[in-house]
PDB file of N, CA and C in Angstrom:
ATOM      1  N   MET A   1     -89.662 126.514  16.065  1.00  0.00           N
ATOM      2  CA  MET A   1     -90.033 127.113  14.809  1.00  0.00           C
ATOM      3  C   MET A   1     -91.111 126.287  14.142  1.00  0.00           C
ATOM      4  N   ARG A   2     -92.011 126.988  13.492  1.00  0.00           N
ATOM      5  CA  ARG A   2     -93.050 126.321  12.723  1.00  0.00           C
ATOM      6  C   ARG A   2     -92.611 126.244  11.269  1.00  0.00           C
ATOM      7  N   PRO A   3     -93.023 125.216  10.555  1.00  0.00           N
ATOM      8  CA  PRO A   3     -92.688 125.138   9.135  1.00  0.00           C
ATOM      9  C   PRO A   3     -93.374 126.252   8.346  1.00  0.00           C
ATOM     10  N   VAL A   4     -92.771 126.621   7.262  1.00  0.00           N
ATOM     11  CA  VAL A   4     -93.352 127.624   6.381  1.00  0.00           C
ATOM     12  C   VAL A   4     -94.631 127.047   5.781  1.00  0.00           C
ATOM     13  N   PRO A   5     -95.736 127.796   5.808  1.00  0.00           N
ATOM     14  CA  PRO A   5     -97.014 127.241   5.375  1.00  0.00           C
ATOM     15  C   PRO A   5     -97.157 127.030   3.870  1.00  0.00           C
ATOM     16  N   ASP A   6     -96.281 127.589   3.089  1.00  0.00           N
ATOM     17  CA  ASP A   6     -96.401 127.401   1.640  1.00  0.00           C
ATOM     18  C   ASP A   6     -95.040 127.113   1.022  1.00  0.00           C
ATOM     19  N   GLY A   7     -95.029 126.816  -0.233  1.00  0.00           N
ATOM     20  CA  GLY A   7     -93.793 126.475  -0.921  1.00  0.00           C
ATOM     21  C   GLY A   7     -93.062 127.659  -1.513  1.00  0.00           C
ATOM     22  N   ASP A   8     -93.493 128.867  -1.197  1.00  0.00           N
ATOM     23  CA  ASP A   8     -92.913 130.054  -1.821  1.00  0.00           C
ATOM     24  C   ASP A   8     -91.667 130.573  -1.112  1.00  0.00           C
ATOM     25  N   HIS A   9     -91.322 130.026   0.036  1.00  0.00           N
ATOM     26  CA  HIS A   9     -90.196 130.541   0.808  1.00  0.00           C
ATOM     27  C   HIS A   9     -88.890 130.487   0.010  1.00  0.00           C
ATOM     28  N   VAL A  10     -88.617 129.378  -0.627  1.00  0.00           N
ATOM     29  CA  VAL A  10     -87.391 129.235  -1.418  1.00  0.00           C
ATOM     30  C   VAL A  10     -87.402 130.207  -2.588  1.00  0.00           C
ATOM     31  N   GLU A  11     -88.550 130.386  -3.210  1.00  0.00           N
ATOM     32  CA  GLU A  11     -88.638 131.319  -4.333  1.00  0.00           C
ATOM     33  C   GLU A  11     -88.345 132.748  -3.898  1.00  0.00           C
ATOM     34  N   ILE A  12     -88.798 133.116  -2.704  1.00  0.00           N
ATOM     35  CA  ILE A  12     -88.541 134.464  -2.190  1.00  0.00           C
ATOM     36  C   ILE A  12     -87.053 134.657  -1.935  1.00  0.00           C
ATOM     37  N   VAL A  13     -86.409 133.674  -1.334  1.00  0.00           N
ATOM     38  CA  VAL A  13     -84.971 133.758  -1.080  1.00  0.00           C
ATOM     39  C   VAL A  13     -84.211 133.856  -2.395  1.00  0.00           C
ATOM     40  N   MET A  14     -84.583 133.058  -3.379  1.00  0.00           N
ATOM     41  CA  MET A  14     -83.892 133.103  -4.671  1.00  0.00           C
ATOM     42  C   MET A  14     -84.115 134.443  -5.360  1.00  0.00           C
ATOM     43  N   TRP A  15     -85.302 135.008  -5.242  1.00  0.00           N
ATOM     44  CA  TRP A  15     -85.594 136.314  -5.822  1.00  0.00           C
ATOM     45  C   TRP A  15     -84.672 137.368  -5.200  1.00  0.00           C
ATOM     46  N   LEU A  16     -84.542 137.335  -3.868  1.00  0.00           N
ATOM     47  CA  LEU A  16     -83.643 138.269  -3.191  1.00  0.00           C
ATOM     48  C   LEU A  16     -82.205 138.089  -3.656  1.00  0.00           C
ATOM     49  N   LEU A  17     -81.769 136.847  -3.762  1.00  0.00           N
ATOM     50  CA  LEU A  17     -80.399 136.590  -4.211  1.00  0.00           C
ATOM     51  C   LEU A  17     -80.145 137.161  -5.600  1.00  0.00           C
ATOM     52  N   ARG A  18     -81.090 136.937  -6.511  1.00  0.00           N
ATOM     53  CA  ARG A  18     -80.906 137.463  -7.875  1.00  0.00           C
ATOM     54  C   ARG A  18     -80.800 138.976  -7.879  1.00  0.00           C
ATOM     55  N   ARG A  19     -81.623 139.641  -7.084  1.00  0.00           N
ATOM     56  CA  ARG A  19     -81.593 141.109  -7.038  1.00  0.00           C
ATOM     57  C   ARG A  19     -80.309 141.622  -6.397  1.00  0.00           C
ATOM     58  N   LEU A  20     -79.906 141.003  -5.295  1.00  0.00           N
ATOM     59  CA  LEU A  20     -78.734 141.477  -4.576  1.00  0.00           C
ATOM     60  C   LEU A  20     -77.436 141.170  -5.310  1.00  0.00           C
ATOM     61  N   CYS A  21     -77.365 140.024  -5.956  1.00  0.00           N
ATOM     62  CA  CYS A  21     -76.119 139.625  -6.614  1.00  0.00           C
ATOM     63  C   CYS A  21     -75.816 140.495  -7.821  1.00  0.00           C
ATOM     64  N   ARG A  22     -76.817 141.135  -8.394  1.00  0.00           N
ATOM     65  CA  ARG A  22     -76.588 142.019  -9.537  1.00  0.00           C
ATOM     66  C   ARG A  22     -75.983 143.354  -9.108  1.00  0.00           C
ATOM     67  N   SER A  23     -76.321 143.847  -7.912  1.00  0.00           N
ATOM     68  CA  SER A  23     -75.956 145.211  -7.497  1.00  0.00           C
ATOM     69  C   SER A  23     -74.863 145.276  -6.450  1.00  0.00           C
ATOM     70  N   TYR A  24     -74.635 144.194  -5.667  1.00  0.00           N
ATOM     71  CA  TYR A  24     -73.714 144.255  -4.540  1.00  0.00           C
ATOM     72  C   TYR A  24     -72.685 143.136  -4.636  1.00  0.00           C
ATOM     73  N   LYS A  25     -71.490 143.409  -4.138  1.00  0.00           N
ATOM     74  CA  LYS A  25     -70.440 142.388  -4.091  1.00  0.00           C
ATOM     75  C   LYS A  25     -70.556 141.638  -2.772  1.00  0.00           C
ATOM     76  N   TYR A  26     -70.068 140.393  -2.753  1.00  0.00           N
ATOM     77  CA  TYR A  26     -70.080 139.622  -1.519  1.00  0.00           C
ATOM     78  C   TYR A  26     -69.232 140.323  -0.477  1.00  0.00           C
ATOM     79  N   GLY A  27     -69.723 140.333   0.753  1.00  0.00           N
ATOM     80  CA  GLY A  27     -69.027 140.993   1.836  1.00  0.00           C
ATOM     81  C   GLY A  27     -69.615 142.340   2.197  1.00  0.00           C
ATOM     82  N   GLU A  28     -70.444 142.908   1.307  1.00  0.00           N
ATOM     83  CA  GLU A  28     -71.091 144.179   1.616  1.00  0.00           C
ATOM     84  C   GLU A  28     -72.308 143.937   2.493  1.00  0.00           C
ATOM     85  N   THR A  29     -72.672 144.938   3.264  1.00  0.00           N
ATOM     86  CA  THR A  29     -73.879 144.886   4.082  1.00  0.00           C
ATOM     87  C   THR A  29     -74.941 145.716   3.387  1.00  0.00           C
ATOM     88  N   VAL A  30     -76.128 145.143   3.244  1.00  0.00           N
ATOM     89  CA  VAL A  30     -77.214 145.792   2.521  1.00  0.00           C
ATOM     90  C   VAL A  30     -78.397 145.976   3.466  1.00  0.00           C
ATOM     91  N   ALA A  31     -78.864 147.204   3.594  1.00  0.00           N
ATOM     92  CA  ALA A  31     -80.049 147.499   4.406  1.00  0.00           C
ATOM     93  C   ALA A  31     -81.266 147.488   3.494  1.00  0.00           C
ATOM     94  N   LEU A  32     -82.207 146.594   3.755  1.00  0.00           N
ATOM     95  CA  LEU A  32     -83.441 146.535   2.981  1.00  0.00           C
ATOM     96  C   LEU A  32     -84.474 147.441   3.637  1.00  0.00           C
ATOM     97  N   PRO A  33     -85.145 148.287   2.841  1.00  0.00           N
ATOM     98  CA  PRO A  33     -86.075 149.272   3.395  1.00  0.00           C
ATOM     99  C   PRO A  33     -87.391 148.646   3.876  1.00  0.00           C
ATOM    100  N   SER A  34     -88.253 149.468   4.431  1.00  0.00           N
ATOM    101  CA  SER A  34     -89.592 149.043   4.855  1.00  0.00           C
ATOM    102  C   SER A  34     -90.336 148.463   3.668  1.00  0.00           C
ATOM    103  N   PRO A  35     -91.129 147.509   3.867  1.00  0.00           N
ATOM    104  CA  PRO A  35     -91.580 146.908   5.113  1.00  0.00           C
ATOM    105  C   PRO A  35     -90.670 145.782   5.596  1.00  0.00           C
ATOM    106  N   VAL A  36     -89.573 145.497   4.897  1.00  0.00           N
ATOM    107  CA  VAL A  36     -88.698 144.389   5.283  1.00  0.00           C
ATOM    108  C   VAL A  36     -87.860 144.773   6.502  1.00  0.00           C
ATOM    109  N   ASP A  37     -87.200 145.918   6.446  1.00  0.00           N
ATOM    110  CA  ASP A  37     -86.408 146.455   7.563  1.00  0.00           C
ATOM    111  C   ASP A  37     -85.421 145.462   8.164  1.00  0.00           C
ATOM    112  N   ILE A  38     -84.613 144.861   7.307  1.00  0.00           N
ATOM    113  CA  ILE A  38     -83.544 143.993   7.806  1.00  0.00           C
ATOM    114  C   ILE A  38     -82.237 144.393   7.136  1.00  0.00           C
ATOM    115  N   THR A  39     -81.133 143.973   7.715  1.00  0.00           N
ATOM    116  CA  THR A  39     -79.815 144.199   7.140  1.00  0.00           C
ATOM    117  C   THR A  39     -79.230 142.843   6.787  1.00  0.00           C
ATOM    118  N   LEU A  40     -78.760 142.714   5.546  1.00  0.00           N
ATOM    119  CA  LEU A  40     -78.193 141.451   5.079  1.00  0.00           C
ATOM    120  C   LEU A  40     -76.689 141.551   4.945  1.00  0.00           C
ATOM    121  N   ASP A  41     -76.010 140.519   5.382  1.00  0.00           N
ATOM    122  CA  ASP A  41     -74.580 140.375   5.159  1.00  0.00           C
ATOM    123  C   ASP A  41     -74.432 139.522   3.904  1.00  0.00           C
ATOM    124  N   THR A  42     -74.022 140.124   2.804  1.00  0.00           N
ATOM    125  CA  THR A  42     -73.989 139.415   1.529  1.00  0.00           C
ATOM    126  C   THR A  42     -72.925 138.325   1.473  1.00  0.00           C
ATOM    127  N   GLU A  43     -71.967 138.343   2.378  1.00  0.00           N
ATOM    128  CA  GLU A  43     -70.946 137.286   2.403  1.00  0.00           C
ATOM    129  C   GLU A  43     -71.597 135.918   2.609  1.00  0.00           C
ATOM    130  N   LYS A  44     -72.623 135.857   3.443  1.00  0.00           N
ATOM    131  CA  LYS A  44     -73.309 134.597   3.735  1.00  0.00           C
ATOM    132  C   LYS A  44     -74.128 134.090   2.546  1.00  0.00           C
ATOM    133  N   LEU A  45     -74.488 134.972   1.609  1.00  0.00           N
ATOM    134  CA  LEU A  45     -75.326 134.578   0.486  1.00  0.00           C
ATOM    135  C   LEU A  45     -74.559 133.850  -0.604  1.00  0.00           C
ATOM    136  N   LYS A  46     -73.247 133.973  -0.642  1.00  0.00           N
ATOM    137  CA  LYS A  46     -72.491 133.377  -1.730  1.00  0.00           C
ATOM    138  C   LYS A  46     -72.588 131.853  -1.738  1.00  0.00           C
ATOM    139  N   ASP A  47     -72.873 131.248  -0.588  1.00  0.00           N
ATOM    140  CA  ASP A  47     -73.034 129.801  -0.531  1.00  0.00           C
ATOM    141  C   ASP A  47     -74.288 129.322  -1.268  1.00  0.00           C
ATOM    142  N   TYR A  48     -75.255 130.238  -1.469  1.00  0.00           N
ATOM    143  CA  TYR A  48     -76.510 129.872  -2.115  1.00  0.00           C
ATOM    144  C   TYR A  48     -76.559 130.266  -3.584  1.00  0.00           C
ATOM    145  N   ALA A  49     -75.647 131.128  -4.002  1.00  0.00           N
ATOM    146  CA  ALA A  49     -75.630 131.574  -5.394  1.00  0.00           C
ATOM    147  C   ALA A  49     -74.982 130.503  -6.261  1.00  0.00           C
ATOM    148  N   GLY A  50     -75.547 130.277  -7.400  1.00  0.00           N
ATOM    149  CA  GLY A  50     -75.032 129.240  -8.266  1.00  0.00           C
ATOM    150  C   GLY A  50     -74.317 129.800  -9.369  1.00  0.00           C
TER     151      GLY A  50
END
């Protein structure tokens, strides 16, 4: 793996966490639409939420 070229990676993850934590409970699976096209398991995100 190559390192992320900028310092915005953490900010993007935190932005996603803030959006997801408002609408979904931990343990739910969330499908993010195009152009992201990934499925997130929100159970894993609770370790990062403060």
